[in-house]
Amino acid sequence: MTTNNAFAVSALKRLHVELGRAMKETRREAAKITERMVHVEAVLKMLEPGFDLRTVVGHRRPKHVTPYRRGTVFRAVLDALREADHPLTSREMAEALLERAGIANPTADQVRAMWGSIHSAMRAHQGRTIVRVGDTLPMRWRVRD
């Protein structure tokens, strides 16, 4: 071993030991979780003897497809409404916000997710900061005077 690599080799050895400990701890944690799952399954079987455990399915958490963080969508919507020369629908706002975020050709899922965020924000602030224009569908919105 050369002196040039001594420090790097020593650091890598320590890292290897740390990773081994973490892996061991993870195995212990996995064993504890497995034990708890077995207990839950046993109670399910006691309460409902014919219960099929294969019917218990975990659901994937939805991933965020909007480029805006929580709480920032409404501020961006207000900016878009102030810049617009006419009342906008939630979809028009969604497309404008996605374009502002640098997404030139958004997917249908991105537009739908952004529309949902915008629409719920509009309904929450209706009458206070923004107002609905007319009673037609789709709903059109503008900033309150």
N, C-alpha and C. Protein backbone atom coordinates (compact mmCIF):
# COMPACT_ATOMS: atom_id res chain seq x y z
N MET A 1 0.86 -1.17 0.00
CA MET A 1 0.00 0.00 0.00
C MET A 1 0.90 1.23 0.00
N THR A 2 0.61 2.12 -0.93
CA THR A 2 1.42 3.34 -1.01
C THR A 2 0.88 4.37 -0.04
N THR A 3 1.71 5.33 0.30
CA THR A 3 1.30 6.37 1.24
C THR A 3 0.26 7.30 0.63
N ASN A 4 0.23 7.38 -0.71
CA ASN A 4 -0.75 8.24 -1.37
C ASN A 4 -2.18 7.75 -1.15
N ASN A 5 -2.35 6.44 -1.06
CA ASN A 5 -3.68 5.86 -0.93
C ASN A 5 -4.04 5.47 0.49
N ALA A 6 -3.15 5.66 1.44
CA ALA A 6 -3.37 5.19 2.81
C ALA A 6 -4.62 5.84 3.42
N PHE A 7 -4.77 7.13 3.24
CA PHE A 7 -5.92 7.82 3.81
C PHE A 7 -7.22 7.32 3.18
N ALA A 8 -7.24 7.19 1.87
CA ALA A 8 -8.44 6.74 1.18
C ALA A 8 -8.81 5.31 1.58
N VAL A 9 -7.80 4.44 1.67
CA VAL A 9 -8.05 3.05 2.05
C VAL A 9 -8.59 2.99 3.47
N SER A 10 -8.01 3.78 4.38
CA SER A 10 -8.48 3.80 5.76
C SER A 10 -9.93 4.28 5.84
N ALA A 11 -10.25 5.33 5.11
CA ALA A 11 -11.62 5.85 5.10
C ALA A 11 -12.59 4.84 4.53
N LEU A 12 -12.19 4.15 3.47
CA LEU A 12 -13.06 3.14 2.86
C LEU A 12 -13.28 1.96 3.80
N LYS A 13 -12.26 1.59 4.57
CA LYS A 13 -12.42 0.51 5.54
C LYS A 13 -13.45 0.89 6.61
N ARG A 14 -13.33 2.13 7.13
CA ARG A 14 -14.30 2.60 8.12
C ARG A 14 -15.72 2.62 7.55
N LEU A 15 -15.84 3.09 6.31
CA LEU A 15 -17.14 3.14 5.66
C LEU A 15 -17.72 1.74 5.50
N HIS A 16 -16.86 0.78 5.16
CA HIS A 16 -17.31 -0.60 5.00
C HIS A 16 -17.86 -1.15 6.31
N VAL A 17 -17.17 -0.86 7.41
CA VAL A 17 -17.61 -1.30 8.74
C VAL A 17 -18.96 -0.66 9.09
N GLU A 18 -19.10 0.64 8.82
CA GLU A 18 -20.35 1.35 9.11
C GLU A 18 -21.51 0.77 8.30
N LEU A 19 -21.25 0.49 7.03
CA LEU A 19 -22.31 -0.08 6.19
C LEU A 19 -22.70 -1.47 6.66
N GLY A 20 -21.72 -2.25 7.11
CA GLY A 20 -22.00 -3.58 7.66
C GLY A 20 -22.89 -3.49 8.89
N ARG A 21 -22.58 -2.51 9.79
CA ARG A 21 -23.42 -2.32 10.97
C ARG A 21 -24.84 -1.90 10.59
N ALA A 22 -24.93 -0.99 9.63
CA ALA A 22 -26.26 -0.53 9.19
C ALA A 22 -27.05 -1.68 8.60
N MET A 23 -26.38 -2.54 7.84
CA MET A 23 -27.06 -3.68 7.24
C MET A 23 -27.55 -4.64 8.33
N LYS A 24 -26.72 -4.86 9.33
CA LYS A 24 -27.09 -5.73 10.44
C LYS A 24 -28.30 -5.16 11.18
N GLU A 25 -28.29 -3.84 11.43
CA GLU A 25 -29.39 -3.18 12.11
C GLU A 25 -30.67 -3.26 11.28
N THR A 26 -30.54 -3.13 9.98
CA THR A 26 -31.69 -3.22 9.08
C THR A 26 -32.30 -4.62 9.13
N ARG A 27 -31.43 -5.63 9.19
CA ARG A 27 -31.95 -7.01 9.29
C ARG A 27 -32.72 -7.21 10.59
N ARG A 28 -32.19 -6.65 11.70
CA ARG A 28 -32.87 -6.75 12.98
C ARG A 28 -34.24 -6.07 12.91
N GLU A 29 -34.26 -4.87 12.31
CA GLU A 29 -35.50 -4.12 12.19
C GLU A 29 -36.50 -4.88 11.33
N ALA A 30 -36.02 -5.48 10.24
CA ALA A 30 -36.90 -6.26 9.36
C ALA A 30 -37.47 -7.47 10.11
N ALA A 31 -36.67 -8.08 10.94
CA ALA A 31 -37.14 -9.23 11.72
C ALA A 31 -38.23 -8.79 12.71
N LYS A 32 -38.06 -7.62 13.33
CA LYS A 32 -39.07 -7.11 14.26
C LYS A 32 -40.38 -6.81 13.54
N ILE A 33 -40.27 -6.19 12.38
CA ILE A 33 -41.48 -5.86 11.60
C ILE A 33 -42.19 -7.13 11.16
N THR A 34 -41.41 -8.12 10.72
CA THR A 34 -42.00 -9.40 10.31
C THR A 34 -42.74 -10.05 11.47
N GLU A 35 -42.15 -10.00 12.64
CA GLU A 35 -42.78 -10.57 13.83
C GLU A 35 -44.10 -9.86 14.13
N ARG A 36 -44.11 -8.54 14.03
CA ARG A 36 -45.34 -7.79 14.28
C ARG A 36 -46.40 -8.12 13.24
N MET A 37 -45.99 -8.30 11.98
CA MET A 37 -46.96 -8.65 10.93
C MET A 37 -47.58 -10.02 11.21
N VAL A 38 -46.77 -10.96 11.69
CA VAL A 38 -47.28 -12.30 12.01
C VAL A 38 -48.34 -12.20 13.11
N HIS A 39 -48.10 -11.33 14.10
CA HIS A 39 -49.09 -11.15 15.17
C HIS A 39 -50.39 -10.56 14.62
N VAL A 40 -50.29 -9.57 13.76
CA VAL A 40 -51.48 -8.96 13.16
C VAL A 40 -52.24 -10.00 12.35
N GLU A 41 -51.52 -10.80 11.57
CA GLU A 41 -52.16 -11.85 10.79
C GLU A 41 -52.88 -12.85 11.69
N ALA A 42 -52.27 -13.20 12.83
CA ALA A 42 -52.88 -14.15 13.75
C ALA A 42 -54.18 -13.59 14.33
N VAL A 43 -54.17 -12.30 14.68
CA VAL A 43 -55.39 -11.68 15.21
C VAL A 43 -56.47 -11.63 14.14
N LEU A 44 -56.09 -11.32 12.90
CA LEU A 44 -57.06 -11.32 11.80
C LEU A 44 -57.69 -12.70 11.65
N LYS A 45 -56.87 -13.75 11.74
CA LYS A 45 -57.38 -15.12 11.62
C LYS A 45 -58.30 -15.48 12.79
N MET A 46 -57.98 -14.95 14.00
CA MET A 46 -58.83 -15.22 15.15
C MET A 46 -60.19 -14.54 15.00
N LEU A 47 -60.18 -13.32 14.51
CA LEU A 47 -61.43 -12.57 14.38
C LEU A 47 -62.27 -13.05 13.21
N GLU A 48 -61.59 -13.44 12.14
CA GLU A 48 -62.31 -13.91 10.95
C GLU A 48 -61.55 -15.11 10.39
N PRO A 49 -61.93 -16.34 10.81
CA PRO A 49 -61.17 -17.55 10.45
C PRO A 49 -61.02 -17.78 8.95
N GLY A 50 -61.98 -17.37 8.16
CA GLY A 50 -61.89 -17.60 6.71
C GLY A 50 -61.20 -16.49 5.95
N PHE A 51 -60.58 -15.57 6.66
CA PHE A 51 -59.96 -14.40 6.01
C PHE A 51 -58.76 -14.83 5.18
N ASP A 52 -58.71 -14.34 3.94
CA ASP A 52 -57.61 -14.64 3.03
C ASP A 52 -56.61 -13.49 3.07
N LEU A 53 -55.42 -13.74 3.59
CA LEU A 53 -54.41 -12.70 3.74
C LEU A 53 -53.90 -12.18 2.40
N ARG A 54 -54.09 -12.94 1.34
CA ARG A 54 -53.63 -12.48 0.02
C ARG A 54 -54.46 -11.30 -0.49
N THR A 55 -55.64 -11.09 0.15
CA THR A 55 -56.47 -9.97 -0.29
C THR A 55 -56.00 -8.64 0.29
N VAL A 56 -55.09 -8.69 1.25
CA VAL A 56 -54.56 -7.46 1.84
C VAL A 56 -53.45 -6.95 0.91
N VAL A 57 -53.71 -5.82 0.30
CA VAL A 57 -52.77 -5.28 -0.68
C VAL A 57 -52.39 -3.86 -0.27
N GLY A 58 -51.12 -3.58 -0.31
CA GLY A 58 -50.67 -2.22 -0.03
C GLY A 58 -50.89 -1.35 -1.25
N HIS A 59 -51.22 -0.11 -1.03
CA HIS A 59 -51.43 0.83 -2.13
C HIS A 59 -50.20 1.70 -2.29
N ARG A 60 -49.89 1.98 -3.55
CA ARG A 60 -48.78 2.88 -3.80
C ARG A 60 -49.18 4.30 -3.47
N ARG A 61 -48.27 5.03 -2.89
CA ARG A 61 -48.56 6.43 -2.61
C ARG A 61 -48.44 7.19 -3.92
N PRO A 62 -49.35 8.12 -4.13
CA PRO A 62 -49.26 8.87 -5.38
C PRO A 62 -48.02 9.76 -5.39
N LYS A 63 -47.36 9.79 -6.53
CA LYS A 63 -46.20 10.66 -6.61
C LYS A 63 -46.65 12.03 -7.11
N HIS A 64 -45.96 13.02 -6.67
CA HIS A 64 -46.33 14.38 -7.03
C HIS A 64 -45.86 14.67 -8.45
N VAL A 65 -46.79 15.11 -9.26
CA VAL A 65 -46.42 15.42 -10.63
C VAL A 65 -46.46 16.92 -10.88
N THR A 66 -46.80 17.70 -9.87
CA THR A 66 -46.81 19.15 -10.05
C THR A 66 -45.45 19.70 -9.65
N PRO A 67 -44.95 20.67 -10.36
CA PRO A 67 -43.63 21.22 -10.04
C PRO A 67 -43.67 22.22 -8.89
N TYR A 68 -44.85 22.49 -8.34
CA TYR A 68 -44.99 23.47 -7.27
C TYR A 68 -45.10 22.78 -5.93
N ARG A 69 -44.48 23.37 -4.92
CA ARG A 69 -44.58 22.83 -3.57
C ARG A 69 -45.90 23.21 -2.95
N ARG A 70 -46.22 22.51 -1.88
CA ARG A 70 -47.45 22.78 -1.15
C ARG A 70 -47.48 24.23 -0.68
N GLY A 71 -48.59 24.91 -0.95
CA GLY A 71 -48.76 26.28 -0.51
C GLY A 71 -48.31 27.34 -1.50
N THR A 72 -47.64 26.93 -2.57
CA THR A 72 -47.15 27.91 -3.53
C THR A 72 -48.04 28.01 -4.76
N VAL A 73 -48.93 27.07 -4.94
CA VAL A 73 -49.78 27.06 -6.14
C VAL A 73 -50.70 28.29 -6.16
N PHE A 74 -51.32 28.61 -5.03
CA PHE A 74 -52.28 29.71 -5.04
C PHE A 74 -51.60 31.04 -5.34
N ARG A 75 -50.39 31.23 -4.83
CA ARG A 75 -49.67 32.47 -5.14
C ARG A 75 -49.35 32.56 -6.63
N ALA A 76 -48.97 31.44 -7.22
CA ALA A 76 -48.68 31.43 -8.65
C ALA A 76 -49.96 31.68 -9.45
N VAL A 77 -51.08 31.14 -8.98
CA VAL A 77 -52.38 31.37 -9.63
C VAL A 77 -52.74 32.84 -9.58
N LEU A 78 -52.54 33.47 -8.44
CA LEU A 78 -52.84 34.90 -8.33
C LEU A 78 -52.01 35.71 -9.32
N ASP A 79 -50.74 35.36 -9.47
CA ASP A 79 -49.90 36.05 -10.44
C ASP A 79 -50.45 35.87 -11.85
N ALA A 80 -50.86 34.63 -12.18
CA ALA A 80 -51.39 34.36 -13.52
C ALA A 80 -52.69 35.13 -13.76
N LEU A 81 -53.55 35.18 -12.75
CA LEU A 81 -54.81 35.90 -12.91
C LEU A 81 -54.58 37.41 -13.06
N ARG A 82 -53.62 37.93 -12.33
CA ARG A 82 -53.33 39.37 -12.43
C ARG A 82 -52.76 39.73 -13.79
N GLU A 83 -51.98 38.83 -14.38
CA GLU A 83 -51.38 39.09 -15.68
C GLU A 83 -52.36 38.88 -16.83
N ALA A 84 -53.39 38.07 -16.61
CA ALA A 84 -54.34 37.75 -17.68
C ALA A 84 -55.27 38.94 -17.93
N ASP A 85 -55.70 39.07 -19.18
CA ASP A 85 -56.61 40.17 -19.53
C ASP A 85 -58.07 39.75 -19.51
N HIS A 86 -58.33 38.49 -19.16
CA HIS A 86 -59.70 37.98 -19.05
C HIS A 86 -59.74 36.89 -17.97
N PRO A 87 -60.92 36.58 -17.45
CA PRO A 87 -61.02 35.50 -16.45
C PRO A 87 -60.56 34.17 -17.03
N LEU A 88 -59.91 33.37 -16.21
CA LEU A 88 -59.34 32.10 -16.66
C LEU A 88 -60.04 30.91 -16.01
N THR A 89 -60.04 29.80 -16.74
CA THR A 89 -60.53 28.54 -16.17
C THR A 89 -59.37 27.88 -15.43
N SER A 90 -59.68 26.88 -14.62
CA SER A 90 -58.64 26.16 -13.89
C SER A 90 -57.67 25.48 -14.85
N ARG A 91 -58.18 24.97 -15.94
CA ARG A 91 -57.32 24.31 -16.93
C ARG A 91 -56.37 25.30 -17.59
N GLU A 92 -56.88 26.48 -17.94
CA GLU A 92 -56.02 27.50 -18.54
C GLU A 92 -54.91 27.90 -17.56
N MET A 93 -55.29 28.02 -16.29
CA MET A 93 -54.28 28.35 -15.28
C MET A 93 -53.26 27.23 -15.13
N ALA A 94 -53.75 25.99 -15.17
CA ALA A 94 -52.84 24.84 -15.04
C ALA A 94 -51.82 24.84 -16.18
N GLU A 95 -52.28 25.05 -17.39
CA GLU A 95 -51.36 25.08 -18.53
C GLU A 95 -50.38 26.24 -18.40
N ALA A 96 -50.85 27.41 -17.96
CA ALA A 96 -49.97 28.57 -17.79
C ALA A 96 -48.92 28.32 -16.72
N LEU A 97 -49.32 27.72 -15.60
CA LEU A 97 -48.37 27.46 -14.52
C LEU A 97 -47.35 26.41 -14.90
N LEU A 98 -47.78 25.39 -15.63
CA LEU A 98 -46.84 24.37 -16.07
C LEU A 98 -45.84 24.97 -17.07
N GLU A 99 -46.33 25.85 -17.92
CA GLU A 99 -45.44 26.51 -18.87
C GLU A 99 -44.42 27.38 -18.13
N ARG A 100 -44.88 28.08 -17.10
CA ARG A 100 -43.98 28.90 -16.28
C ARG A 100 -42.91 28.06 -15.60
N ALA A 101 -43.29 26.85 -15.24
CA ALA A 101 -42.36 25.96 -14.55
C ALA A 101 -41.38 25.30 -15.51
N GLY A 102 -41.51 25.62 -16.80
CA GLY A 102 -40.57 25.08 -17.78
C GLY A 102 -41.01 23.78 -18.41
N ILE A 103 -42.27 23.41 -18.24
CA ILE A 103 -42.78 22.18 -18.84
C ILE A 103 -43.57 22.59 -20.08
N ALA A 104 -42.93 22.47 -21.24
CA ALA A 104 -43.54 22.95 -22.48
C ALA A 104 -44.69 22.07 -22.95
N ASN A 105 -44.49 20.76 -22.92
CA ASN A 105 -45.53 19.82 -23.36
C ASN A 105 -45.92 18.92 -22.20
N PRO A 106 -46.79 19.38 -21.30
CA PRO A 106 -47.13 18.56 -20.13
C PRO A 106 -47.97 17.35 -20.52
N THR A 107 -47.80 16.29 -19.74
CA THR A 107 -48.61 15.09 -19.96
C THR A 107 -50.01 15.33 -19.40
N ALA A 108 -50.92 14.45 -19.75
CA ALA A 108 -52.29 14.56 -19.25
C ALA A 108 -52.32 14.45 -17.73
N ASP A 109 -51.47 13.59 -17.17
CA ASP A 109 -51.41 13.43 -15.71
C ASP A 109 -50.91 14.70 -15.04
N GLN A 110 -49.94 15.36 -15.64
CA GLN A 110 -49.43 16.60 -15.06
C GLN A 110 -50.50 17.69 -15.08
N VAL A 111 -51.20 17.81 -16.20
CA VAL A 111 -52.26 18.82 -16.30
C VAL A 111 -53.38 18.52 -15.31
N ARG A 112 -53.75 17.24 -15.20
CA ARG A 112 -54.83 16.84 -14.30
C ARG A 112 -54.45 17.11 -12.84
N ALA A 113 -53.22 16.78 -12.47
CA ALA A 113 -52.77 17.01 -11.10
C ALA A 113 -52.72 18.50 -10.80
N MET A 114 -52.21 19.28 -11.73
CA MET A 114 -52.14 20.72 -11.53
C MET A 114 -53.54 21.31 -11.48
N TRP A 115 -54.43 20.83 -12.35
CA TRP A 115 -55.82 21.31 -12.35
C TRP A 115 -56.45 21.05 -10.99
N GLY A 116 -56.23 19.86 -10.44
CA GLY A 116 -56.81 19.52 -9.13
C GLY A 116 -56.30 20.44 -8.04
N SER A 117 -55.00 20.72 -8.04
CA SER A 117 -54.43 21.62 -7.04
C SER A 117 -55.02 23.01 -7.17
N ILE A 118 -55.11 23.49 -8.41
CA ILE A 118 -55.63 24.84 -8.65
C ILE A 118 -57.10 24.92 -8.29
N HIS A 119 -57.86 23.93 -8.73
CA HIS A 119 -59.30 23.96 -8.51
C HIS A 119 -59.64 23.95 -7.01
N SER A 120 -58.94 23.13 -6.25
CA SER A 120 -59.22 23.10 -4.80
C SER A 120 -58.79 24.41 -4.14
N ALA A 121 -57.70 25.00 -4.60
CA ALA A 121 -57.28 26.30 -4.05
C ALA A 121 -58.30 27.38 -4.38
N MET A 122 -58.83 27.34 -5.60
CA MET A 122 -59.81 28.35 -6.01
C MET A 122 -61.08 28.23 -5.17
N ARG A 123 -61.53 27.02 -4.96
CA ARG A 123 -62.74 26.81 -4.16
C ARG A 123 -62.52 27.26 -2.71
N ALA A 124 -61.32 27.03 -2.19
CA ALA A 124 -61.02 27.41 -0.81
C ALA A 124 -60.97 28.93 -0.63
N HIS A 125 -60.54 29.66 -1.65
CA HIS A 125 -60.39 31.11 -1.55
C HIS A 125 -61.53 31.87 -2.24
N GLN A 126 -62.53 31.16 -2.70
CA GLN A 126 -63.64 31.78 -3.42
C GLN A 126 -64.34 32.82 -2.54
N GLY A 127 -64.52 34.02 -3.10
CA GLY A 127 -65.21 35.07 -2.40
C GLY A 127 -64.31 35.96 -1.57
N ARG A 128 -63.14 35.49 -1.21
CA ARG A 128 -62.22 36.30 -0.40
C ARG A 128 -61.19 36.99 -1.30
N THR A 129 -60.35 36.20 -1.93
CA THR A 129 -59.29 36.75 -2.76
C THR A 129 -59.66 36.73 -4.23
N ILE A 130 -60.40 35.71 -4.61
CA ILE A 130 -60.80 35.55 -6.01
C ILE A 130 -62.31 35.36 -6.08
N VAL A 131 -62.86 35.65 -7.24
CA VAL A 131 -64.31 35.47 -7.43
C VAL A 131 -64.55 34.70 -8.72
N ARG A 132 -65.66 33.98 -8.70
CA ARG A 132 -66.08 33.24 -9.88
C ARG A 132 -66.86 34.19 -10.77
N VAL A 133 -66.60 34.12 -12.07
CA VAL A 133 -67.27 34.98 -13.04
C VAL A 133 -68.36 34.17 -13.72
N GLY A 134 -69.60 34.56 -13.54
CA GLY A 134 -70.72 33.85 -14.16
C GLY A 134 -71.02 32.53 -13.49
N ASP A 135 -72.07 31.87 -13.97
CA ASP A 135 -72.47 30.58 -13.42
C ASP A 135 -72.29 29.45 -14.43
N THR A 136 -71.57 29.70 -15.49
CA THR A 136 -71.39 28.69 -16.53
C THR A 136 -70.24 27.75 -16.18
N LEU A 137 -70.22 26.65 -16.86
CA LEU A 137 -69.11 25.70 -16.73
C LEU A 137 -68.34 25.71 -18.04
N PRO A 138 -67.04 25.62 -18.03
CA PRO A 138 -66.18 25.54 -16.87
C PRO A 138 -66.13 26.86 -16.11
N MET A 139 -65.84 26.75 -14.83
CA MET A 139 -65.79 27.95 -13.98
C MET A 139 -64.66 28.85 -14.43
N ARG A 140 -64.93 30.14 -14.46
CA ARG A 140 -63.92 31.14 -14.78
C ARG A 140 -63.68 31.99 -13.55
N TRP A 141 -62.42 32.36 -13.34
CA TRP A 141 -62.04 33.05 -12.12
C TRP A 141 -61.28 34.33 -12.44
N ARG A 142 -61.39 35.29 -11.52
CA ARG A 142 -60.61 36.53 -11.60
C ARG A 142 -60.29 36.98 -10.18
N VAL A 143 -59.32 37.88 -10.06
CA VAL A 143 -58.94 38.40 -8.75
C VAL A 143 -60.03 39.37 -8.30
N ARG A 144 -60.35 39.31 -7.03
CA ARG A 144 -61.38 40.19 -6.48
C ARG A 144 -60.88 41.63 -6.47
N ASP A 145 -61.77 42.57 -6.80
CA ASP A 145 -61.40 43.99 -6.84
C ASP A 145 -61.16 44.55 -5.48
